[in-house]
C-alpha atoms as a PDB file:
ATOM      1  CA  MET A   1       0.000   0.000   0.000  1.00  0.00           C
ATOM      2  CA  THR A   2       1.421   3.384  -0.954  1.00  0.00           C
ATOM      3  CA  GLU A   3       1.482   6.515   1.183  1.00  0.00           C
ATOM      4  CA  LEU A   4       2.247  10.136   0.369  1.00  0.00           C
ATOM      5  CA  PHE A   5       5.679  11.401   1.446  1.00  0.00           C
ATOM      6  CA  LEU A   6       7.272  14.839   1.243  1.00  0.00           C
ATOM      7  CA  ILE A   7      10.913  14.482   0.202  1.00  0.00           C
ATOM      8  CA  VAL A   8      13.217  16.913   2.016  1.00  0.00           C
ATOM      9  CA  GLN A   9      16.963  17.343   2.384  1.00  0.00           C
ATOM     10  CA  ILE A  10      18.528  17.566   5.841  1.00  0.00           C
ATOM     11  CA  ALA A  11      22.319  17.770   6.290  1.00  0.00           C
ATOM     12  CA  ALA A  12      22.812  16.926   2.589  1.00  0.00           C
ATOM     13  CA  ARG A  13      20.727  13.738   2.932  1.00  0.00           C
ATOM     14  CA  TRP A  14      17.384  13.250   1.169  1.00  0.00           C
ATOM     15  CA  VAL A  15      14.727  11.780   3.455  1.00  0.00           C
ATOM     16  CA  ALA A  16      10.989  11.109   3.310  1.00  0.00           C
ATOM     17  CA  VAL A  17       8.471  12.636   5.715  1.00  0.00           C
ATOM     18  CA  PRO A  18       4.945  11.214   5.888  1.00  0.00           C
ATOM     19  CA  ALA A  19       2.631  13.822   4.368  1.00  0.00           C
ATOM     20  CA  THR A  20       0.196  13.213   7.222  1.00  0.00           C
ATOM     21  CA  GLU A  21       2.763  14.766   9.613  1.00  0.00           C
ATOM     22  CA  VAL A  22       3.273  17.896   7.481  1.00  0.00           C
ATOM     23  CA  GLU A  23       1.015  20.894   7.914  1.00  0.00           C
ATOM     24  CA  SER A  24       2.932  23.050   5.429  1.00  0.00           C
ATOM     25  CA  ALA A  25       6.358  23.870   4.008  1.00  0.00           C
ATOM     26  CA  VAL A  26       7.564  27.461   4.350  1.00  0.00           C
ATOM     27  CA  ASP A  27      10.446  29.876   4.011  1.00  0.00           C
ATOM     28  CA  ILE A  28      11.666  30.885   7.463  1.00  0.00           C
ATOM     29  CA  GLY A  29      12.329  34.534   8.244  1.00  0.00           C
ATOM     30  CA  ALA A  30      13.863  35.975  11.382  1.00  0.00           C
ATOM     31  CA  ILE A  31      14.394  33.563  14.261  1.00  0.00           C
ATOM     32  CA  VAL A  32      14.550  34.959  17.796  1.00  0.00           C
ATOM     33  CA  ALA A  33      16.788  32.981  20.159  1.00  0.00           C
ATOM     34  CA  VAL A  34      15.325  31.631  23.394  1.00  0.00           C
ATOM     35  CA  PRO A  35      17.667  31.975  26.386  1.00  0.00           C
ATOM     36  CA  HIS A  36      18.529  28.710  28.160  1.00  0.00           C
ATOM     37  CA  ALA A  37      16.698  26.588  25.548  1.00  0.00           C
ATOM     38  CA  PRO A  38      18.179  23.234  24.517  1.00  0.00           C
ATOM     39  CA  SER A  39      20.552  23.396  21.546  1.00  0.00           C
ATOM     40  CA  THR A  40      17.967  21.672  19.356  1.00  0.00           C
ATOM     41  CA  ILE A  41      15.690  24.694  19.687  1.00  0.00           C
ATOM     42  CA  ARG A  42      16.986  27.411  17.368  1.00  0.00           C
ATOM     43  CA  GLY A  43      14.397  29.892  18.639  1.00  0.00           C
ATOM     44  CA  LEU A  44      10.971  31.290  17.814  1.00  0.00           C
ATOM     45  CA  ALA A  45       9.617  32.618  14.526  1.00  0.00           C
ATOM     46  CA  ALA A  46       6.438  34.403  13.494  1.00  0.00           C
ATOM     47  CA  LEU A  47       4.474  32.449  10.937  1.00  0.00           C
ATOM     48  CA  ARG A  48       1.064  33.450   9.641  1.00  0.00           C
ATOM     49  CA  SER A  49      -0.038  35.283  12.785  1.00  0.00           C
ATOM     50  CA  ARG A  50       1.292  32.654  15.174  1.00  0.00           C
ATOM     51  CA  VAL A  51       4.568  31.915  16.870  1.00  0.00           C
ATOM     52  CA  VAL A  52       6.266  28.583  16.184  1.00  0.00           C
ATOM     53  CA  THR A  53       9.214  26.930  17.867  1.00  0.00           C
ATOM     54  CA  VAL A  54      12.032  26.424  15.360  1.00  0.00           C
ATOM     55  CA  ILE A  55      13.859  23.098  15.658  1.00  0.00           C
ATOM     56  CA  ASP A  56      17.415  22.749  14.360  1.00  0.00           C
ATOM     57  CA  THR A  57      16.961  19.331  12.770  1.00  0.00           C
ATOM     58  CA  CYS A  58      20.703  18.865  12.299  1.00  0.00           C
ATOM     59  CA  THR A  59      21.381  19.318  16.018  1.00  0.00           C
ATOM     60  CA  ALA A  60      18.415  17.070  16.848  1.00  0.00           C
ATOM     61  CA  LEU A  61      20.078  14.402  14.697  1.00  0.00           C
ATOM     62  CA  GLY A  62      23.392  14.732  16.563  1.00  0.00           C
ATOM     63  CA  LEU A  63      25.060  16.679  13.743  1.00  0.00           C
ATOM     64  CA  PRO A  64      26.602  20.176  13.577  1.00  0.00           C
ATOM     65  CA  PRO A  65      23.942  22.943  13.526  1.00  0.00           C
ATOM     66  CA  CYS A  66      22.056  23.744  10.322  1.00  0.00           C
ATOM     67  CA  THR A  67      23.652  26.981   9.171  1.00  0.00           C
ATOM     68  CA  GLU A  68      22.205  27.506   5.708  1.00  0.00           C
ATOM     69  CA  ALA A  69      18.640  26.255   6.262  1.00  0.00           C
ATOM     70  CA  LYS A  70      16.067  28.864   5.223  1.00  0.00           C
ATOM     71  CA  ARG A  71      13.129  26.490   4.691  1.00  0.00           C
ATOM     72  CA  ALA A  72      11.096  24.516   7.173  1.00  0.00           C
ATOM     73  CA  VAL A  73       8.440  21.880   7.464  1.00  0.00           C
ATOM     74  CA  ILE A  74       5.642  22.875   9.825  1.00  0.00           C
ATOM     75  CA  ALA A  75       4.287  20.070  11.996  1.00  0.00           C
ATOM     76  CA  GLN A  76       1.978  19.879  14.958  1.00  0.00           C
ATOM     77  CA  VAL A  77       3.336  17.709  17.758  1.00  0.00           C
ATOM     78  CA  GLN A  78       1.255  17.198  20.893  1.00  0.00           C
ATOM     79  CA  GLY A  79      -0.827  20.301  20.174  1.00  0.00           C
ATOM     80  CA  HIS A  80       2.090  22.667  19.495  1.00  0.00           C
ATOM     81  CA  HIS A  81       3.373  23.914  16.136  1.00  0.00           C
ATOM     82  CA  TYR A  82       7.026  23.448  15.231  1.00  0.00           C
ATOM     83  CA  ALA A  83       9.110  24.582  12.279  1.00  0.00           C
ATOM     84  CA  LEU A  84      11.718  21.909  11.513  1.00  0.00           C
ATOM     85  CA  LEU A  85      14.581  23.336   9.462  1.00  0.00           C
ATOM     86  CA  VAL A  86      15.454  21.640   6.174  1.00  0.00           C
ATOM     87  CA  ASP A  87      18.074  22.365   3.507  1.00  0.00           C
ATOM     88  CA  ALA A  88      15.722  21.842   0.578  1.00  0.00           C
ATOM     89  CA  LEU A  89      12.291  20.574  -0.423  1.00  0.00           C
ATOM     90  CA  ASP A  90      11.629  18.316  -3.388  1.00  0.00           C
ATOM     91  CA  ASP A  91       8.020  17.208  -3.900  1.00  0.00           C
ATOM     92  CA  VAL A  92       5.335  14.840  -2.638  1.00  0.00           C
ATOM     93  CA  PHE A  93       5.463  11.268  -3.946  1.00  0.00           C
ATOM     94  CA  ALA A  94       3.280   8.196  -3.503  1.00  0.00           C
ATOM     95  CA  LEU A  95       5.700   5.537  -2.233  1.00  0.00           C
ATOM     96  CA  GLU A  96       5.527   2.235  -0.408  1.00  0.00           C
ATOM     97  CA  ARG A  97       6.698   2.178   3.225  1.00  0.00           C
ATOM     98  CA  LEU A  98       9.336  -0.495   3.819  1.00  0.00           C
ATOM     99  CA  PRO A  99      11.068  -1.731   6.977  1.00  0.00           C
ATOM    100  CA  LEU A 100      14.537  -0.357   7.704  1.00  0.00           C
ATOM    101  CA  SER A 101      17.287  -2.166   5.844  1.00  0.00           C
ATOM    102  CA  SER A 102      20.322  -3.359   7.768  1.00  0.00           C
ATOM    103  CA  GLY A 103      22.524  -2.067   4.918  1.00  0.00           C
ATOM    104  CA  LEU A 104      21.434   1.564   5.323  1.00  0.00           C
ATOM    105  CA  PRO A 105      24.081   3.615   7.233  1.00  0.00           C
ATOM    106  CA  LEU A 106      22.531   5.392  10.250  1.00  0.00           C
ATOM    107  CA  ASP A 107      24.978   7.548  12.199  1.00  0.00           C
ATOM    108  CA  GLY A 108      24.132  10.138  14.859  1.00  0.00           C
ATOM    109  CA  GLN A 109      20.462  10.101  15.857  1.00  0.00           C
ATOM    110  CA  TRP A 110      19.169   9.055  12.419  1.00  0.00           C
ATOM    111  CA  ALA A 111      18.261   5.566  13.683  1.00  0.00           C
ATOM    112  CA  ALA A 112      16.298   6.943  16.651  1.00  0.00           C
ATOM    113  CA  CYS A 113      14.249   9.208  14.350  1.00  0.00           C
ATOM    114  CA  ALA A 114      13.696   6.776  11.479  1.00  0.00           C
ATOM    115  CA  SER A 115      10.450   4.832  11.225  1.00  0.00           C
ATOM    116  CA  GLY A 116      11.179   2.945   8.004  1.00  0.00           C
ATOM    117  CA  MET A 117      12.349   3.608   4.494  1.00  0.00           C
ATOM    118  CA  VAL A 118      11.071   4.126   0.958  1.00  0.00           C
ATOM    119  CA  ASP A 119      12.616   3.415  -2.404  1.00  0.00           C
ATOM    120  CA  ARG A 120      12.509   6.387  -4.772  1.00  0.00           C
ATOM    121  CA  ASP A 121      13.694   5.325  -8.214  1.00  0.00           C
ATOM    122  CA  GLY A 122      16.244   2.898  -6.762  1.00  0.00           C
ATOM    123  CA  GLU A 123      17.425   5.308  -4.056  1.00  0.00           C
ATOM    124  CA  PRO A 124      16.656   4.223  -0.474  1.00  0.00           C
ATOM    125  CA  LEU A 125      15.420   7.105   1.690  1.00  0.00           C
ATOM    126  CA  LEU A 126      14.818   7.095   5.433  1.00  0.00           C
ATOM    127  CA  ILE A 127      11.355   7.940   6.677  1.00  0.00           C
ATOM    128  CA  LEU A 128      11.680  10.471   9.497  1.00  0.00           C
ATOM    129  CA  ASP A 129       9.180  10.668  12.335  1.00  0.00           C
ATOM    130  CA  LEU A 130       9.074  14.439  12.934  1.00  0.00           C
ATOM    131  CA  SER A 131       7.847  14.077  16.513  1.00  0.00           C
ATOM    132  CA  ARG A 132      11.097  12.307  17.408  1.00  0.00           C
ATOM    133  CA  LEU A 133      13.021  15.478  16.489  1.00  0.00           C
ATOM    134  CA  VAL A 134      11.137  17.607  19.032  1.00  0.00           C
ATOM    135  CA  PRO A 135      12.900  17.738  22.416  1.00  0.00           C
ATOM    136  CA  GLY A 136      10.856  16.012  25.115  1.00  0.00           C
ATOM    137  CA  ALA A 137       8.059  14.853  22.788  1.00  0.00           C
ATOM    138  CA  VAL A 138       9.053  11.185  22.935  1.00  0.00           C
ATOM    139  CA  ALA A 139       9.411  11.278  26.730  1.00  0.00           C
ATOM    140  CA  ILE A 140       5.998  12.926  27.097  1.00  0.00           C
ATOM    141  CA  ALA A 141       4.387  10.379  24.774  1.00  0.00           C
ATOM    142  CA  ALA A 142       5.860   7.486  26.773  1.00  0.00           C
END
């Protein structure tokens, strides 16, 4: 059975995000830092008359901070809106969800945030669970 996935690039790696988790994809403007916030929280940004928490997806994945990201995927996690920074956006594709392959390299926190994989024209892509990138969301859900 196929599902819709938004293909995004994070830290130079193309990944799939279930379209059901995506509220929108946007260009991010000014981000205001939040004192004493975890390093995964880049800050706050105004978006369509509301304030969203901006997540540095690279840091959340155990990588160096996203420095060039100007785009974001907006997701609602446990009733709050988050902007998750991405390097680039591709398009939405109907793809079949597959279990994770043991041959797919998963360094940093990629494995903890992956919920499967898809095959896009012979290229295996991780499926990211956006809620696993939000600090504290997994602990609250448990």
